[in-house]
Amino acid sequence: MKQSMAEQTWAGALREVGRAALRHKVATGIIAVCVAGSLIAIGLVGSAAGQTAGPAVVAAPAFRLPVLGRDGQQVSLSSYRGRPLIINFFSSWCEPCQKETPLLAKFYGTGKGKVALVGLDENDVIGNATSFTRTEGVGYPVGWDPGGSAATSYGVAALPQTFFLNARHQIVHRVFGAVTLADLRKGIGLATAG
């Protein structure tokens, strides 16, 4: 009788191990499907937020800011209604911004007409910002945004960042870091296409 109980115990234990293995496989499969679905959702949300330069376009958030160095003047997204626009988020203390600003100033001086260009100076001291833009020969309008409200609405967490908007003011391209001439050409091509 003792041997029969031992056999039942082993047989029962084996059955229980089999059931546990089956439950584990089912649970693992469900977890894998959930993880894959989450990754796909994160990818779609990232694209919709303008995080990548894919085919999806997003409407640019509106802004209205005082123009740096021009008392009483304002710069706003609506001022450029119907025109492709480049928006460059920068600050005078930002080293990569210091490297890209001369290129943008030169581009603006020679490439006006096809697209408009606006700088948005973020989280800066007004004296430093004014001195920096004058020294670099910035001729395009610069919105003064010391609190970073425009940067927040565009999802800018690090400077510089440049957005290319088509004539409907949809974001069609975004550059993280200092913009290059190749970036400008690509962004302008996308902003003026169709």
C-alpha atoms as a PDB file:
ATOM      1  CA  MET A   1       0.000   0.000   0.000  1.00  0.00           C
ATOM      2  CA  LYS A   2       2.837   2.381   0.743  1.00  0.00           C
ATOM      3  CA  GLN A   3       4.300   1.723  -2.703  1.00  0.00           C
ATOM      4  CA  SER A   4       0.984   2.472  -4.380  1.00  0.00           C
ATOM      5  CA  MET A   5       0.743   5.819  -2.544  1.00  0.00           C
ATOM      6  CA  ALA A   6       4.280   6.659  -3.663  1.00  0.00           C
ATOM      7  CA  GLU A   7       3.381   5.827  -7.242  1.00  0.00           C
ATOM      8  CA  GLN A   8       0.253   7.968  -7.013  1.00  0.00           C
ATOM      9  CA  THR A   9       2.282  10.789  -5.557  1.00  0.00           C
ATOM     10  CA  TRP A  10       4.803  10.587  -8.396  1.00  0.00           C
ATOM     11  CA  ALA A  11       2.089  10.293 -11.022  1.00  0.00           C
ATOM     12  CA  GLY A  12       0.196  13.207  -9.480  1.00  0.00           C
ATOM     13  CA  ALA A  13       3.362  15.245  -9.273  1.00  0.00           C
ATOM     14  CA  LEU A  14       4.115  14.604 -12.941  1.00  0.00           C
ATOM     15  CA  ARG A  15       0.601  15.614 -13.929  1.00  0.00           C
ATOM     16  CA  GLU A  16       0.892  18.778 -11.856  1.00  0.00           C
ATOM     17  CA  VAL A  17       4.243  19.617 -13.485  1.00  0.00           C
ATOM     18  CA  GLY A  18       2.666  19.141 -16.909  1.00  0.00           C
ATOM     19  CA  ARG A  19      -0.231  21.449 -16.025  1.00  0.00           C
ATOM     20  CA  ALA A  20       2.162  24.080 -14.640  1.00  0.00           C
ATOM     21  CA  ALA A  21       4.262  23.915 -17.815  1.00  0.00           C
ATOM     22  CA  LEU A  22       1.159  24.405 -19.948  1.00  0.00           C
ATOM     23  CA  ARG A  23       0.019  27.387 -17.819  1.00  0.00           C
ATOM     24  CA  HIS A  24       3.533  28.862 -18.120  1.00  0.00           C
ATOM     25  CA  LYS A  25       3.493  28.515 -21.928  1.00  0.00           C
ATOM     26  CA  VAL A  26       0.092  30.179 -22.196  1.00  0.00           C
ATOM     27  CA  ALA A  27       1.088  33.016 -19.833  1.00  0.00           C
ATOM     28  CA  THR A  28       4.381  33.543 -21.687  1.00  0.00           C
ATOM     29  CA  GLY A  29       2.537  33.721 -25.004  1.00  0.00           C
ATOM     30  CA  ILE A  30       0.077  36.290 -23.666  1.00  0.00           C
ATOM     31  CA  ILE A  31       2.927  38.408 -22.253  1.00  0.00           C
ATOM     32  CA  ALA A  32       4.809  38.251 -25.562  1.00  0.00           C
ATOM     33  CA  VAL A  33       1.740  39.439 -27.472  1.00  0.00           C
ATOM     34  CA  CYS A  34       1.230  42.313 -24.992  1.00  0.00           C
ATOM     35  CA  VAL A  35       4.877  43.399 -25.231  1.00  0.00           C
ATOM     36  CA  ALA A  36       4.789  43.324 -29.039  1.00  0.00           C
ATOM     37  CA  GLY A  37       1.544  45.327 -29.071  1.00  0.00           C
ATOM     38  CA  SER A  38       3.016  47.894 -26.668  1.00  0.00           C
ATOM     39  CA  LEU A  39       6.114  48.343 -28.828  1.00  0.00           C
ATOM     40  CA  ILE A  40       3.980  48.881 -31.916  1.00  0.00           C
ATOM     41  CA  ALA A  41       1.819  51.421 -30.056  1.00  0.00           C
ATOM     42  CA  ILE A  42       4.902  53.283 -28.815  1.00  0.00           C
ATOM     43  CA  GLY A  43       6.239  53.415 -32.374  1.00  0.00           C
ATOM     44  CA  LEU A  44       2.958  54.799 -33.686  1.00  0.00           C
ATOM     45  CA  VAL A  45       2.724  57.429 -30.943  1.00  0.00           C
ATOM     46  CA  GLY A  46       6.354  58.471 -31.561  1.00  0.00           C
ATOM     47  CA  SER A  47       5.645  58.910 -35.257  1.00  0.00           C
ATOM     48  CA  ALA A  48       2.458  60.850 -34.604  1.00  0.00           C
ATOM     49  CA  ALA A  49       4.329  63.196 -32.260  1.00  0.00           C
ATOM     50  CA  GLY A  50       6.760  64.122 -35.029  1.00  0.00           C
ATOM     51  CA  GLN A  51       9.615  62.169 -33.493  1.00  0.00           C
ATOM     52  CA  THR A  52      10.630  60.688 -36.796  1.00  0.00           C
ATOM     53  CA  ALA A  53      10.704  62.010 -40.295  1.00  0.00           C
ATOM     54  CA  GLY A  54       8.253  59.511 -41.722  1.00  0.00           C
ATOM     55  CA  PRO A  55       5.229  59.909 -43.944  1.00  0.00           C
ATOM     56  CA  ALA A  56       2.935  60.950 -41.065  1.00  0.00           C
ATOM     57  CA  VAL A  57       2.589  64.711 -40.614  1.00  0.00           C
ATOM     58  CA  VAL A  58       1.330  66.599 -37.564  1.00  0.00           C
ATOM     59  CA  ALA A  59      -0.074  70.105 -37.283  1.00  0.00           C
ATOM     60  CA  ALA A  60       2.445  72.519 -35.791  1.00  0.00           C
ATOM     61  CA  PRO A  61       1.399  74.059 -32.454  1.00  0.00           C
ATOM     62  CA  ALA A  62       0.596  77.769 -32.619  1.00  0.00           C
ATOM     63  CA  PHE A  63       2.830  80.290 -30.873  1.00  0.00           C
ATOM     64  CA  ARG A  64       2.882  84.052 -30.392  1.00  0.00           C
ATOM     65  CA  LEU A  65       5.997  85.621 -28.868  1.00  0.00           C
ATOM     66  CA  PRO A  66       7.649  89.021 -28.594  1.00  0.00           C
ATOM     67  CA  VAL A  67      10.385  89.595 -31.184  1.00  0.00           C
ATOM     68  CA  LEU A  68      13.828  89.733 -29.606  1.00  0.00           C
ATOM     69  CA  GLY A  69      15.221  93.271 -29.768  1.00  0.00           C
ATOM     70  CA  ARG A  70      12.098  94.801 -31.345  1.00  0.00           C
ATOM     71  CA  ASP A  71       9.851  96.317 -28.698  1.00  0.00           C
ATOM     72  CA  GLY A  72       6.154  95.913 -29.319  1.00  0.00           C
ATOM     73  CA  GLN A  73       6.538  93.462 -32.237  1.00  0.00           C
ATOM     74  CA  GLN A  74       5.271  89.890 -32.162  1.00  0.00           C
ATOM     75  CA  VAL A  75       6.100  86.790 -34.161  1.00  0.00           C
ATOM     76  CA  SER A  76       3.517  84.044 -34.541  1.00  0.00           C
ATOM     77  CA  LEU A  77       2.872  80.935 -36.561  1.00  0.00           C
ATOM     78  CA  SER A  78      -0.230  82.546 -38.043  1.00  0.00           C
ATOM     79  CA  SER A  79       1.930  85.381 -39.461  1.00  0.00           C
ATOM     80  CA  TYR A  80       3.238  82.841 -41.992  1.00  0.00           C
ATOM     81  CA  ARG A  81      -0.130  81.380 -43.011  1.00  0.00           C
ATOM     82  CA  GLY A  82       0.087  79.700 -46.409  1.00  0.00           C
ATOM     83  CA  ARG A  83       3.919  79.717 -46.494  1.00  0.00           C
ATOM     84  CA  PRO A  84       6.396  76.922 -45.777  1.00  0.00           C
ATOM     85  CA  LEU A  85       8.311  77.724 -42.600  1.00  0.00           C
ATOM     86  CA  ILE A  86      11.470  76.660 -40.798  1.00  0.00           C
ATOM     87  CA  ILE A  87      11.361  77.015 -37.002  1.00  0.00           C
ATOM     88  CA  ASN A  88      14.722  76.807 -35.230  1.00  0.00           C
ATOM     89  CA  PHE A  89      14.744  76.393 -31.441  1.00  0.00           C
ATOM     90  CA  PHE A  90      18.043  77.637 -29.971  1.00  0.00           C
ATOM     91  CA  SER A  91      19.730  79.512 -27.138  1.00  0.00           C
ATOM     92  CA  SER A  92      22.855  81.680 -26.939  1.00  0.00           C
ATOM     93  CA  TRP A  93      24.465  79.411 -24.314  1.00  0.00           C
ATOM     94  CA  CYS A  94      24.009  76.250 -26.420  1.00  0.00           C
ATOM     95  CA  GLU A  95      27.278  75.217 -28.104  1.00  0.00           C
ATOM     96  CA  PRO A  96      25.710  73.347 -31.058  1.00  0.00           C
ATOM     97  CA  CYS A  97      23.383  76.350 -31.531  1.00  0.00           C
ATOM     98  CA  GLN A  98      26.439  78.610 -31.733  1.00  0.00           C
ATOM     99  CA  LYS A  99      27.776  76.414 -34.543  1.00  0.00           C
ATOM    100  CA  GLU A 100      24.547  76.306 -36.588  1.00  0.00           C
ATOM    101  CA  THR A 101      23.411  79.924 -36.250  1.00  0.00           C
ATOM    102  CA  PRO A 102      25.950  81.367 -38.751  1.00  0.00           C
ATOM    103  CA  LEU A 103      24.733  78.823 -41.338  1.00  0.00           C
ATOM    104  CA  LEU A 104      21.099  79.784 -40.719  1.00  0.00           C
ATOM    105  CA  ALA A 105      21.936  83.509 -40.884  1.00  0.00           C
ATOM    106  CA  LYS A 106      23.764  83.023 -44.192  1.00  0.00           C
ATOM    107  CA  PHE A 107      20.956  80.838 -45.556  1.00  0.00           C
ATOM    108  CA  TYR A 108      18.393  83.471 -44.634  1.00  0.00           C
ATOM    109  CA  GLY A 109      20.426  86.188 -46.311  1.00  0.00           C
ATOM    110  CA  THR A 110      20.707  84.271 -49.597  1.00  0.00           C
ATOM    111  CA  GLY A 111      17.731  81.900 -49.622  1.00  0.00           C
ATOM    112  CA  LYS A 112      14.794  84.142 -48.797  1.00  0.00           C
ATOM    113  CA  GLY A 113      11.587  83.639 -50.703  1.00  0.00           C
ATOM    114  CA  LYS A 114      11.168  79.885 -51.006  1.00  0.00           C
ATOM    115  CA  VAL A 115      10.568  79.366 -47.275  1.00  0.00           C
ATOM    116  CA  ALA A 116      10.393  81.616 -44.239  1.00  0.00           C
ATOM    117  CA  LEU A 117      12.674  81.176 -41.226  1.00  0.00           C
ATOM    118  CA  VAL A 118      11.931  81.965 -37.584  1.00  0.00           C
ATOM    119  CA  GLY A 119      14.199  81.448 -34.603  1.00  0.00           C
ATOM    120  CA  LEU A 120      12.788  80.818 -31.144  1.00  0.00           C
ATOM    121  CA  ASP A 121      15.255  81.657 -28.369  1.00  0.00           C
ATOM    122  CA  GLU A 122      14.518  79.402 -25.420  1.00  0.00           C
ATOM    123  CA  ASN A 123      15.441  79.612 -21.747  1.00  0.00           C
ATOM    124  CA  ASP A 124      17.946  82.423 -22.216  1.00  0.00           C
ATOM    125  CA  VAL A 125      18.981  85.763 -20.742  1.00  0.00           C
ATOM    126  CA  ILE A 126      17.773  88.658 -22.906  1.00  0.00           C
ATOM    127  CA  GLY A 127      21.128  90.471 -22.957  1.00  0.00           C
ATOM    128  CA  ASN A 128      23.006  87.326 -24.011  1.00  0.00           C
ATOM    129  CA  ALA A 129      20.373  86.445 -26.600  1.00  0.00           C
ATOM    130  CA  THR A 130      20.394  89.935 -28.130  1.00  0.00           C
ATOM    131  CA  SER A 131      24.193  90.113 -28.213  1.00  0.00           C
ATOM    132  CA  PHE A 132      24.467  86.628 -29.732  1.00  0.00           C
ATOM    133  CA  THR A 133      21.978  87.237 -32.544  1.00  0.00           C
ATOM    134  CA  ARG A 134      23.584  90.586 -33.418  1.00  0.00           C
ATOM    135  CA  THR A 135      27.103  89.121 -33.412  1.00  0.00           C
ATOM    136  CA  GLU A 136      26.011  86.247 -35.672  1.00  0.00           C
ATOM    137  CA  GLY A 137      24.211  88.561 -38.113  1.00  0.00           C
ATOM    138  CA  VAL A 138      20.780  87.018 -37.568  1.00  0.00           C
ATOM    139  CA  GLY A 139      18.370  88.902 -39.838  1.00  0.00           C
ATOM    140  CA  TYR A 140      15.364  86.615 -39.482  1.00  0.00           C
ATOM    141  CA  PRO A 141      12.792  87.205 -36.740  1.00  0.00           C
ATOM    142  CA  VAL A 142      13.609  85.656 -33.381  1.00  0.00           C
ATOM    143  CA  GLY A 143      10.846  84.994 -30.880  1.00  0.00           C
ATOM    144  CA  TRP A 144      11.834  85.541 -27.252  1.00  0.00           C
ATOM    145  CA  ASP A 145      10.638  82.573 -25.156  1.00  0.00           C
ATOM    146  CA  PRO A 146      12.483  82.633 -21.803  1.00  0.00           C
ATOM    147  CA  GLY A 147       9.964  80.300 -20.138  1.00  0.00           C
ATOM    148  CA  GLY A 148      10.145  77.721 -22.933  1.00  0.00           C
ATOM    149  CA  SER A 149       6.397  77.557 -23.592  1.00  0.00           C
ATOM    150  CA  ALA A 150       6.836  77.129 -27.358  1.00  0.00           C
ATOM    151  CA  ALA A 151       9.556  74.512 -26.855  1.00  0.00           C
ATOM    152  CA  THR A 152       7.265  72.564 -24.547  1.00  0.00           C
ATOM    153  CA  SER A 153       4.391  72.639 -27.023  1.00  0.00           C
ATOM    154  CA  TYR A 154       6.705  71.293 -29.759  1.00  0.00           C
ATOM    155  CA  GLY A 155       8.177  68.595 -27.499  1.00  0.00           C
ATOM    156  CA  VAL A 156      11.661  70.130 -27.537  1.00  0.00           C
ATOM    157  CA  ALA A 157      13.656  68.782 -24.593  1.00  0.00           C
ATOM    158  CA  ALA A 158      17.159  69.575 -25.890  1.00  0.00           C
ATOM    159  CA  LEU A 159      18.585  72.323 -28.089  1.00  0.00           C
ATOM    160  CA  PRO A 160      18.941  72.940 -30.936  1.00  0.00           C
ATOM    161  CA  GLN A 161      16.029  71.481 -32.864  1.00  0.00           C
ATOM    162  CA  THR A 162      14.706  72.567 -36.230  1.00  0.00           C
ATOM    163  CA  PHE A 163      11.231  71.950 -37.633  1.00  0.00           C
ATOM    164  CA  PHE A 164      10.241  72.160 -41.296  1.00  0.00           C
ATOM    165  CA  LEU A 165       6.599  73.001 -41.933  1.00  0.00           C
ATOM    166  CA  ASN A 166       4.749  72.844 -45.225  1.00  0.00           C
ATOM    167  CA  ALA A 167       2.393  75.626 -46.364  1.00  0.00           C
ATOM    168  CA  ARG A 168      -0.436  74.035 -44.307  1.00  0.00           C
ATOM    169  CA  HIS A 169       1.866  74.277 -41.258  1.00  0.00           C
ATOM    170  CA  GLN A 170       2.199  70.560 -40.809  1.00  0.00           C
ATOM    171  CA  ILE A 171       5.530  69.308 -39.481  1.00  0.00           C
ATOM    172  CA  VAL A 172       7.114  67.377 -42.346  1.00  0.00           C
ATOM    173  CA  HIS A 173      10.670  67.075 -41.004  1.00  0.00           C
ATOM    174  CA  ARG A 174      12.526  67.545 -37.722  1.00  0.00           C
ATOM    175  CA  VAL A 175      16.250  67.789 -37.068  1.00  0.00           C
ATOM    176  CA  PHE A 176      17.658  67.025 -33.624  1.00  0.00           C
ATOM    177  CA  GLY A 177      20.965  68.827 -33.013  1.00  0.00           C
ATOM    178  CA  ALA A 178      22.775  71.372 -35.152  1.00  0.00           C
ATOM    179  CA  VAL A 179      21.253  71.688 -38.614  1.00  0.00           C
ATOM    180  CA  THR A 180      23.527  71.254 -41.635  1.00  0.00           C
ATOM    181  CA  LEU A 181      23.226  72.498 -45.202  1.00  0.00           C
ATOM    182  CA  ALA A 182      22.148  68.988 -46.244  1.00  0.00           C
ATOM    183  CA  ASP A 183      19.449  69.078 -43.535  1.00  0.00           C
ATOM    184  CA  LEU A 184      18.228  72.443 -44.833  1.00  0.00           C
ATOM    185  CA  ARG A 185      18.035  71.175 -48.396  1.00  0.00           C
ATOM    186  CA  LYS A 186      16.165  68.016 -47.386  1.00  0.00           C
ATOM    187  CA  GLY A 187      13.761  69.879 -45.087  1.00  0.00           C
ATOM    188  CA  ILE A 188      13.035  72.572 -47.673  1.00  0.00           C
ATOM    189  CA  GLY A 189      12.425  69.886 -50.287  1.00  0.00           C
ATOM    190  CA  LEU A 190       9.888  68.207 -48.015  1.00  0.00           C
ATOM    191  CA  ALA A 191       8.279  71.494 -46.955  1.00  0.00           C
ATOM    192  CA  THR A 192       7.793  72.693 -50.527  1.00  0.00           C
ATOM    193  CA  ALA A 193       6.796  69.361 -52.100  1.00  0.00           C
ATOM    194  CA  GLY A 194       3.260  69.129 -53.438  1.00  0.00           C
END
